[in-house]
Amino acid sequence: MEEYFFECENKEACNNGIRDAFEDGYKQSKIARYLKRLTGLISMVIGNKIED
């Protein structure tokens, strides 16, 4: 999963990485564990409830 987040220098890049990983089949829970974030935050990013 590292390939989605190696350029995670700002919020927009991280959010794009989250969306890309999800679209490529990673589960929200796996993304959340990798980033050490809450699953709810990942869900909000994927649902575009958090602006870049």
Protein backbone atom coordinates (compact mmCIF):
# COMPACT_ATOMS: atom_id res chain seq x y z
CA MET A 1 0.00 0.00 0.00
CA GLU A 2 3.05 2.21 0.31
CA GLU A 3 2.77 3.26 -3.35
CA TYR A 4 -0.40 5.24 -2.56
CA PHE A 5 1.13 7.27 0.25
CA PHE A 6 4.82 7.79 -0.51
CA GLU A 7 4.11 11.41 -1.51
CA CYS A 8 1.71 12.08 1.34
CA GLU A 9 3.11 15.53 2.11
CA ASN A 10 -0.17 17.39 2.38
CA LYS A 11 -3.84 16.75 3.01
CA GLU A 12 -4.82 16.72 -0.67
CA ALA A 13 -2.16 14.14 -1.58
CA CYS A 14 -3.14 11.91 1.35
CA ASN A 15 -6.84 12.12 0.50
CA ASN A 16 -6.10 11.24 -3.12
CA GLY A 17 -4.05 8.27 -1.96
CA ILE A 18 -6.93 7.10 0.23
CA ARG A 19 -9.39 7.33 -2.67
CA ASP A 20 -7.01 5.60 -5.07
CA ALA A 21 -6.30 2.74 -2.66
CA PHE A 22 -10.02 2.24 -2.07
CA GLU A 23 -10.80 2.28 -5.79
CA ASP A 24 -8.09 -0.35 -6.31
CA GLY A 25 -9.81 -2.69 -3.87
CA TYR A 26 -8.31 -2.00 -0.46
CA LYS A 27 -10.83 -2.05 2.38
CA GLN A 28 -11.37 1.06 4.45
CA SER A 29 -10.25 -0.76 7.58
CA LYS A 30 -6.93 -1.77 6.00
CA ILE A 31 -6.29 1.80 4.80
CA ALA A 32 -7.13 3.11 8.28
CA ARG A 33 -4.74 0.66 9.95
CA TYR A 34 -1.95 1.49 7.52
CA LEU A 35 -2.35 5.24 8.14
CA LYS A 36 -3.13 4.82 11.86
CA ARG A 37 -6.39 6.70 11.42
CA LEU A 38 -10.00 6.01 12.34
CA THR A 39 -12.08 4.10 9.81
CA GLY A 40 -14.70 6.87 10.01
CA LEU A 41 -12.20 9.42 8.73
CA ILE A 42 -11.31 7.17 5.80
CA SER A 43 -15.00 6.76 5.06
CA MET A 44 -15.52 10.52 5.08
CA VAL A 45 -12.61 11.07 2.67
CA ILE A 46 -13.89 8.39 0.30
CA GLY A 47 -17.39 9.85 0.46
CA ASN A 48 -15.97 13.29 -0.39
CA LYS A 49 -17.31 14.73 2.86
CA ILE A 50 -13.87 16.15 3.58
CA GLU A 51 -12.65 18.78 1.17
CA ASP A 52 -9.08 18.69 -0.07
